[in-house]
PDB file of N, CA and C in Angstrom:
ATOM      1  N   GLN A   1     151.543 191.906 128.769  1.00  0.00           N
ATOM      2  CA  GLN A   1     152.364 191.693 127.600  1.00  0.00           C
ATOM      3  C   GLN A   1     153.264 192.894 127.445  1.00  0.00           C
ATOM      4  N   ALA A   2     154.516 192.629 127.096  1.00  0.00           N
ATOM      5  CA  ALA A   2     155.466 193.696 126.796  1.00  0.00           C
ATOM      6  C   ALA A   2     156.185 193.320 125.513  1.00  0.00           C
ATOM      7  N   GLY A   3     156.328 194.281 124.620  1.00  0.00           N
ATOM      8  CA  GLY A   3     156.967 194.015 123.345  1.00  0.00           C
ATOM      9  C   GLY A   3     157.945 195.104 122.970  1.00  0.00           C
ATOM     10  N   TYR A   4     158.804 194.771 122.004  1.00  0.00           N
ATOM     11  CA  TYR A   4     159.808 195.725 121.554  1.00  0.00           C
ATOM     12  C   TYR A   4     160.056 195.509 120.065  1.00  0.00           C
ATOM     13  N   LEU A   5     160.043 196.587 119.311  1.00  0.00           N
ATOM     14  CA  LEU A   5     160.336 196.533 117.879  1.00  0.00           C
ATOM     15  C   LEU A   5     161.852 196.542 117.719  1.00  0.00           C
ATOM     16  N   VAL A   6     162.417 195.362 117.505  1.00  0.00           N
ATOM     17  CA  VAL A   6     163.862 195.180 117.476  1.00  0.00           C
ATOM     18  C   VAL A   6     164.474 195.780 116.219  1.00  0.00           C
ATOM     19  N   TRP A   7     163.878 195.475 115.102  1.00  0.00           N
ATOM     20  CA  TRP A   7     164.430 195.922 113.814  1.00  0.00           C
ATOM     21  C   TRP A   7     163.292 196.562 113.049  1.00  0.00           C
ATOM     22  N   ASP A   8     163.146 197.862 113.193  1.00  0.00           N
ATOM     23  CA  ASP A   8     162.049 198.627 112.603  1.00  0.00           C
ATOM     24  C   ASP A   8     162.159 198.636 111.085  1.00  0.00           C
ATOM     25  N   PRO A   9     161.163 198.296 110.330  1.00  0.00           N
ATOM     26  CA  PRO A   9     159.813 197.855 110.685  1.00  0.00           C
ATOM     27  C   PRO A   9     159.609 196.359 110.514  1.00  0.00           C
ATOM     28  N   TRP A  10     160.619 195.547 110.667  1.00  0.00           N
ATOM     29  CA  TRP A  10     160.543 194.135 110.275  1.00  0.00           C
ATOM     30  C   TRP A  10     160.307 193.144 111.412  1.00  0.00           C
ATOM     31  N   LEU A  11     160.913 193.354 112.570  1.00  0.00           N
ATOM     32  CA  LEU A  11     160.907 192.316 113.602  1.00  0.00           C
ATOM     33  C   LEU A  11     160.498 192.873 114.961  1.00  0.00           C
ATOM     34  N   GLU A  12     159.529 192.203 115.571  1.00  0.00           N
ATOM     35  CA  GLU A  12     159.073 192.565 116.914  1.00  0.00           C
ATOM     36  C   GLU A  12     159.143 191.325 117.799  1.00  0.00           C
ATOM     37  N   ILE A  13     159.589 191.500 119.049  1.00  0.00           N
ATOM     38  CA  ILE A  13     159.559 190.414 120.016  1.00  0.00           C
ATOM     39  C   ILE A  13     158.697 190.849 121.194  1.00  0.00           C
ATOM     40  N   ALA A  14     158.094 189.874 121.853  1.00  0.00           N
ATOM     41  CA  ALA A  14     157.228 190.185 122.984  1.00  0.00           C
ATOM     42  C   ALA A  14     157.251 189.033 123.975  1.00  0.00           C
ATOM     43  N   ALA A  15     156.960 189.367 125.234  1.00  0.00           N
ATOM     44  CA  ALA A  15     156.807 188.373 126.294  1.00  0.00           C
ATOM     45  C   ALA A  15     155.392 188.523 126.848  1.00  0.00           C
ATOM     46  N   ARG A  16     154.792 187.393 127.179  1.00  0.00           N
ATOM     47  CA  ARG A  16     153.418 187.411 127.681  1.00  0.00           C
ATOM     48  C   ARG A  16     153.320 186.625 128.975  1.00  0.00           C
ATOM     49  N   PHE A  17     152.454 187.104 129.870  1.00  0.00           N
ATOM     50  CA  PHE A  17     152.142 186.382 131.096  1.00  0.00           C
ATOM     51  C   PHE A  17     150.666 186.562 131.390  1.00  0.00           C
ATOM     52  N   ASP A  18     149.994 185.489 131.777  1.00  0.00           N
ATOM     53  CA  ASP A  18     148.609 185.617 132.210  1.00  0.00           C
ATOM     54  C   ASP A  18     148.320 184.583 133.289  1.00  0.00           C
ATOM     55  N   SER A  19     147.337 184.879 134.082  1.00  0.00           N
ATOM     56  CA  SER A  19     146.906 183.995 135.149  1.00  0.00           C
ATOM     57  C   SER A  19     145.388 183.920 135.125  1.00  0.00           C
ATOM     58  N   PHE A  20     144.863 182.727 135.346  1.00  0.00           N
ATOM     59  CA  PHE A  20     143.415 182.538 135.308  1.00  0.00           C
ATOM     60  C   PHE A  20     143.021 181.648 136.472  1.00  0.00           C
ATOM     61  N   GLU A  21     142.111 182.130 137.283  1.00  0.00           N
ATOM     62  CA  GLU A  21     141.578 181.307 138.360  1.00  0.00           C
ATOM     63  C   GLU A  21     140.074 181.459 138.378  1.00  0.00           C
ATOM     64  N   LEU A  22     139.388 180.376 138.062  1.00  0.00           N
ATOM     65  CA  LEU A  22     137.938 180.352 138.083  1.00  0.00           C
ATOM     66  C   LEU A  22     137.478 180.284 139.538  1.00  0.00           C
ATOM     67  N   ASP A  23     136.711 181.249 139.972  1.00  0.00           N
ATOM     68  CA  ASP A  23     136.295 181.332 141.366  1.00  0.00           C
ATOM     69  C   ASP A  23     135.074 180.440 141.602  1.00  0.00           C
ATOM     70  N   ASP A  24     135.317 179.118 141.518  1.00  0.00           N
ATOM     71  CA  ASP A  24     134.224 178.160 141.714  1.00  0.00           C
ATOM     72  C   ASP A  24     134.413 177.318 142.974  1.00  0.00           C
ATOM     73  N   GLY A  25     135.441 177.633 143.769  1.00  0.00           N
ATOM     74  CA  GLY A  25     135.690 176.907 145.001  1.00  0.00           C
ATOM     75  C   GLY A  25     136.342 175.559 144.819  1.00  0.00           C
ATOM     76  N   VAL A  26     136.746 175.230 143.594  1.00  0.00           N
ATOM     77  CA  VAL A  26     137.364 173.938 143.296  1.00  0.00           C
ATOM     78  C   VAL A  26     138.740 174.181 142.701  1.00  0.00           C
ATOM     79  N   ASP A  27     139.776 173.519 143.256  1.00  0.00           N
ATOM     80  CA  ASP A  27     141.107 173.573 142.661  1.00  0.00           C
ATOM     81  C   ASP A  27     141.177 172.516 141.572  1.00  0.00           C
ATOM     82  N   ASP A  28     141.195 172.951 140.314  1.00  0.00           N
ATOM     83  CA  ASP A  28     141.245 172.010 139.208  1.00  0.00           C
ATOM     84  C   ASP A  28     142.129 172.577 138.105  1.00  0.00           C
ATOM     85  N   PHE A  29     142.226 171.857 136.996  1.00  0.00           N
ATOM     86  CA  PHE A  29     143.135 172.248 135.927  1.00  0.00           C
ATOM     87  C   PHE A  29     142.687 173.511 135.191  1.00  0.00           C
ATOM     88  N   ASN A  30     141.494 174.030 135.459  1.00  0.00           N
ATOM     89  CA  ASN A  30     141.081 175.293 134.852  1.00  0.00           C
ATOM     90  C   ASN A  30     141.798 176.485 135.477  1.00  0.00           C
ATOM     91  N   ASP A  31     142.329 176.318 136.696  1.00  0.00           N
ATOM     92  CA  ASP A  31     143.086 177.373 137.363  1.00  0.00           C
ATOM     93  C   ASP A  31     144.549 177.227 136.939  1.00  0.00           C
ATOM     94  N   ARG A  32     145.088 178.258 136.262  1.00  0.00           N
ATOM     95  CA  ARG A  32     146.432 178.101 135.687  1.00  0.00           C
ATOM     96  C   ARG A  32     147.091 179.452 135.462  1.00  0.00           C
ATOM     97  N   TRP A  33     148.392 179.393 135.150  1.00  0.00           N
ATOM     98  CA  TRP A  33     149.112 180.563 134.662  1.00  0.00           C
ATOM     99  C   TRP A  33     149.872 180.157 133.411  1.00  0.00           C
ATOM    100  N   SER A  34     150.196 181.143 132.587  1.00  0.00           N
ATOM    101  CA  SER A  34     150.926 180.900 131.341  1.00  0.00           C
ATOM    102  C   SER A  34     151.982 181.971 131.159  1.00  0.00           C
ATOM    103  N   ALA A  35     153.114 181.574 130.602  1.00  0.00           N
ATOM    104  CA  ALA A  35     154.181 182.511 130.244  1.00  0.00           C
ATOM    105  C   ALA A  35     154.707 182.095 128.881  1.00  0.00           C
ATOM    106  N   GLY A  36     155.042 183.066 128.060  1.00  0.00           N
ATOM    107  CA  GLY A  36     155.505 182.720 126.720  1.00  0.00           C
ATOM    108  C   GLY A  36     156.227 183.851 126.033  1.00  0.00           C
ATOM    109  N   GLY A  37     156.730 183.540 124.855  1.00  0.00           N
ATOM    110  CA  GLY A  37     157.420 184.511 124.034  1.00  0.00           C
ATOM    111  C   GLY A  37     156.898 184.478 122.615  1.00  0.00           C
ATOM    112  N   VAL A  38     156.961 185.636 121.957  1.00  0.00           N
ATOM    113  CA  VAL A  38     156.434 185.784 120.599  1.00  0.00           C
ATOM    114  C   VAL A  38     157.445 186.541 119.754  1.00  0.00           C
ATOM    115  N   ALA A  39     157.629 186.099 118.524  1.00  0.00           N
ATOM    116  CA  ALA A  39     158.411 186.839 117.531  1.00  0.00           C
ATOM    117  C   ALA A  39     157.510 187.070 116.323  1.00  0.00           C
ATOM    118  N   SER A  40     157.430 188.315 115.873  1.00  0.00           N
ATOM    119  CA  SER A  40     156.612 188.671 114.707  1.00  0.00           C
ATOM    120  C   SER A  40     157.502 189.289 113.647  1.00  0.00           C
ATOM    121  N   VAL A  41     157.358 188.804 112.419  1.00  0.00           N
ATOM    122  CA  VAL A  41     158.104 189.333 111.283  1.00  0.00           C
ATOM    123  C   VAL A  41     157.092 189.936 110.319  1.00  0.00           C
ATOM    124  N   PHE A  42     157.336 191.168 109.888  1.00  0.00           N
ATOM    125  CA  PHE A  42     156.412 191.894 109.018  1.00  0.00           C
ATOM    126  C   PHE A  42     156.985 192.007 107.608  1.00  0.00           C
ATOM    127  N   PHE A  43     156.107 191.842 106.609  1.00  0.00           N
ATOM    128  CA  PHE A  43     156.483 191.929 105.201  1.00  0.00           C
ATOM    129  C   PHE A  43     155.519 192.860 104.472  1.00  0.00           C
ATOM    130  N   LEU A  44     155.923 193.337 103.328  1.00  0.00           N
ATOM    131  CA  LEU A  44     155.067 194.133 102.441  1.00  0.00           C
ATOM    132  C   LEU A  44     154.394 195.296 103.166  1.00  0.00           C
ATOM    133  N   ARG A  45     155.214 196.120 103.805  1.00  0.00           N
ATOM    134  CA  ARG A  45     154.725 197.309 104.527  1.00  0.00           C
ATOM    135  C   ARG A  45     153.676 196.941 105.571  1.00  0.00           C
ATOM    136  N   ASN A  46     153.951 195.929 106.339  1.00  0.00           N
ATOM    137  CA  ASN A  46     153.080 195.452 107.418  1.00  0.00           C
ATOM    138  C   ASN A  46     151.755 194.862 106.941  1.00  0.00           C
ATOM    139  N   ARG A  47     151.667 194.500 105.676  1.00  0.00           N
ATOM    140  CA  ARG A  47     150.438 193.870 105.178  1.00  0.00           C
ATOM    141  C   ARG A  47     150.435 192.363 105.448  1.00  0.00           C
ATOM    142  N   VAL A  48     151.595 191.787 105.666  1.00  0.00           N
ATOM    143  CA  VAL A  48     151.710 190.359 105.965  1.00  0.00           C
ATOM    144  C   VAL A  48     152.536 190.212 107.249  1.00  0.00           C
ATOM    145  N   LYS A  49     152.011 189.403 108.172  1.00  0.00           N
ATOM    146  CA  LYS A  49     152.721 189.171 109.435  1.00  0.00           C
ATOM    147  C   LYS A  49     152.857 187.669 109.657  1.00  0.00           C
ATOM    148  N   LEU A  50     154.079 187.240 109.928  1.00  0.00           N
ATOM    149  CA  LEU A  50     154.361 185.865 110.318  1.00  0.00           C
ATOM    150  C   LEU A  50     154.707 185.897 111.798  1.00  0.00           C
ATOM    151  N   GLN A  51     153.982 185.104 112.593  1.00  0.00           N
ATOM    152  CA  GLN A  51     154.170 185.145 114.036  1.00  0.00           C
ATOM    153  C   GLN A  51     154.455 183.748 114.563  1.00  0.00           C
ATOM    154  N   LEU A  52     155.481 183.647 115.416  1.00  0.00           N
ATOM    155  CA  LEU A  52     155.847 182.399 116.071  1.00  0.00           C
ATOM    156  C   LEU A  52     155.679 182.609 117.569  1.00  0.00           C
ATOM    157  N   GLU A  53     154.973 181.695 118.230  1.00  0.00           N
ATOM    158  CA  GLU A  53     154.712 181.850 119.660  1.00  0.00           C
ATOM    159  C   GLU A  53     154.932 180.536 120.390  1.00  0.00           C
ATOM    160  N   TYR A  54     155.600 180.614 121.528  1.00  0.00           N
ATOM    161  CA  TYR A  54     155.726 179.468 122.429  1.00  0.00           C
ATOM    162  C   TYR A  54     155.121 179.869 123.771  1.00  0.00           C
ATOM    163  N   ALA A  55     154.323 178.999 124.368  1.00  0.00           N
ATOM    164  CA  ALA A  55     153.718 179.285 125.667  1.00  0.00           C
ATOM    165  C   ALA A  55     153.824 178.064 126.572  1.00  0.00           C
ATOM    166  N   HIS A  56     154.214 178.324 127.802  1.00  0.00           N
ATOM    167  CA  HIS A  56     154.245 177.291 128.844  1.00  0.00           C
ATOM    168  C   HIS A  56     153.035 177.510 129.734  1.00  0.00           C
ATOM    169  N   HIS A  57     152.228 176.461 129.926  1.00  0.00           N
ATOM    170  CA  HIS A  57     151.027 176.528 130.757  1.00  0.00           C
ATOM    171  C   HIS A  57     151.248 175.674 132.003  1.00  0.00           C
ATOM    172  N   GLN A  58     150.906 176.221 133.149  1.00  0.00           N
ATOM    173  CA  GLN A  58     151.092 175.513 134.417  1.00  0.00           C
ATOM    174  C   GLN A  58     149.800 175.587 135.229  1.00  0.00           C
ATOM    175  N   GLU A  59     149.305 174.439 135.648  1.00  0.00           N
ATOM    176  CA  GLU A  59     148.098 174.398 136.460  1.00  0.00           C
ATOM    177  C   GLU A  59     148.447 174.649 137.923  1.00  0.00           C
ATOM    178  N   TRP A  60     147.507 175.229 138.667  1.00  0.00           N
ATOM    179  CA  TRP A  60     147.711 175.464 140.101  1.00  0.00           C
ATOM    180  C   TRP A  60     147.536 174.184 140.898  1.00  0.00           C
ATOM    181  N   ALA A  61     146.702 173.278 140.436  1.00  0.00           N
ATOM    182  CA  ALA A  61     146.382 172.067 141.191  1.00  0.00           C
ATOM    183  C   ALA A  61     146.894 170.833 140.459  1.00  0.00           C
ATOM    184  N   GLU A  62     146.885 169.723 141.157  1.00  0.00           N
ATOM    185  CA  GLU A  62     147.248 168.436 140.555  1.00  0.00           C
ATOM    186  C   GLU A  62     146.011 167.843 139.910  1.00  0.00           C
ATOM    187  N   PRO A  63     146.092 167.065 138.892  1.00  0.00           N
ATOM    188  CA  PRO A  63     147.322 166.645 138.236  1.00  0.00           C
ATOM    189  C   PRO A  63     147.800 167.693 137.227  1.00  0.00           C
ATOM    190  N   GLN A  64     149.096 167.773 137.050  1.00  0.00           N
ATOM    191  CA  GLN A  64     149.667 168.662 136.054  1.00  0.00           C
ATOM    192  C   GLN A  64     149.484 168.032 134.672  1.00  0.00           C
ATOM    193  N   ILE A  65     149.121 168.842 133.703  1.00  0.00           N
ATOM    194  CA  ILE A  65     148.856 168.356 132.356  1.00  0.00           C
ATOM    195  C   ILE A  65     149.914 168.924 131.413  1.00  0.00           C
ATOM    196  N   GLU A  66     150.525 168.087 130.601  1.00  0.00           N
ATOM    197  CA  GLU A  66     151.498 168.525 129.602  1.00  0.00           C
ATOM    198  C   GLU A  66     150.737 169.212 128.477  1.00  0.00           C
ATOM    199  N   ASN A  67     150.727 170.553 128.458  1.00  0.00           N
ATOM    200  CA  ASN A  67     149.949 171.252 127.440  1.00  0.00           C
ATOM    201  C   ASN A  67     150.612 172.549 126.979  1.00  0.00           C
ATOM    202  N   ASP A  68     151.947 172.571 126.946  1.00  0.00           N
ATOM    203  CA  ASP A  68     152.635 173.713 126.355  1.00  0.00           C
ATOM    204  C   ASP A  68     152.258 173.788 124.880  1.00  0.00           C
ATOM    205  N   SER A  69     152.393 174.979 124.311  1.00  0.00           N
ATOM    206  CA  SER A  69     151.970 175.125 122.913  1.00  0.00           C
ATOM    207  C   SER A  69     153.001 175.912 122.107  1.00  0.00           C
ATOM    208  N   PHE A  70     153.071 175.583 120.833  1.00  0.00           N
ATOM    209  CA  PHE A  70     153.878 176.302 119.855  1.00  0.00           C
ATOM    210  C   PHE A  70     152.957 176.610 118.691  1.00  0.00           C
ATOM    211  N   VAL A  71     152.860 177.888 118.336  1.00  0.00           N
ATOM    212  CA  VAL A  71     151.910 178.318 117.308  1.00  0.00           C
ATOM    213  C   VAL A  71     152.651 179.080 116.216  1.00  0.00           C
ATOM    214  N   ILE A  72     152.343 178.764 114.967  1.00  0.00           N
ATOM    215  CA  ILE A  72     152.822 179.519 113.810  1.00  0.00           C
ATOM    216  C   ILE A  72     151.586 180.114 113.157  1.00  0.00           C
ATOM    217  N   GLN A  73     151.609 181.417 112.962  1.00  0.00           N
ATOM    218  CA  GLN A  73     150.427 182.117 112.435  1.00  0.00           C
ATOM    219  C   GLN A  73     150.851 183.032 111.285  1.00  0.00           C
ATOM    220  N   LEU A  74     150.093 183.022 110.213  1.00  0.00           N
ATOM    221  CA  LEU A  74     150.315 183.910 109.084  1.00  0.00           C
ATOM    222  C   LEU A  74     149.065 184.759 108.914  1.00  0.00           C
ATOM    223  N   GLN A  75     149.249 186.064 108.901  1.00  0.00           N
ATOM    224  CA  GLN A  75     148.129 186.986 108.806  1.00  0.00           C
ATOM    225  C   GLN A  75     148.372 187.967 107.667  1.00  0.00           C
ATOM    226  N   GLY A  76     147.317 188.247 106.913  1.00  0.00           N
ATOM    227  CA  GLY A  76     147.424 189.214 105.832  1.00  0.00           C
ATOM    228  C   GLY A  76     146.257 190.186 105.875  1.00  0.00           C
ATOM    229  N   ARG A  77     146.472 191.386 105.375  1.00  0.00           N
ATOM    230  CA  ARG A  77     145.381 192.362 105.286  1.00  0.00           C
ATOM    231  C   ARG A  77     145.400 193.006 103.915  1.00  0.00           C
ATOM    232  N   PHE A  78     144.244 193.445 103.503  1.00  0.00           N
ATOM    233  CA  PHE A  78     144.090 194.000 102.159  1.00  0.00           C
ATOM    234  C   PHE A  78     143.801 195.474 102.226  1.00  0.00           C
TER     235      PHE A  78
END
């Protein structure tokens, strides 16, 4: 993951990549890679964070499964 604080202290963007291969000797949909982007907006001196994430998931083996994801997350701390 690599990120950059674009507009200090309000907006951060990041890119993510991961790869997962279960070493079970079987090529199946559990073996995959993912790439995505994240934007985080901070409010109230970083006590509230709104995060938007899109991720593309790709399996190594057939059949390919349509399972990209878009996540909206709201986090608060006290």
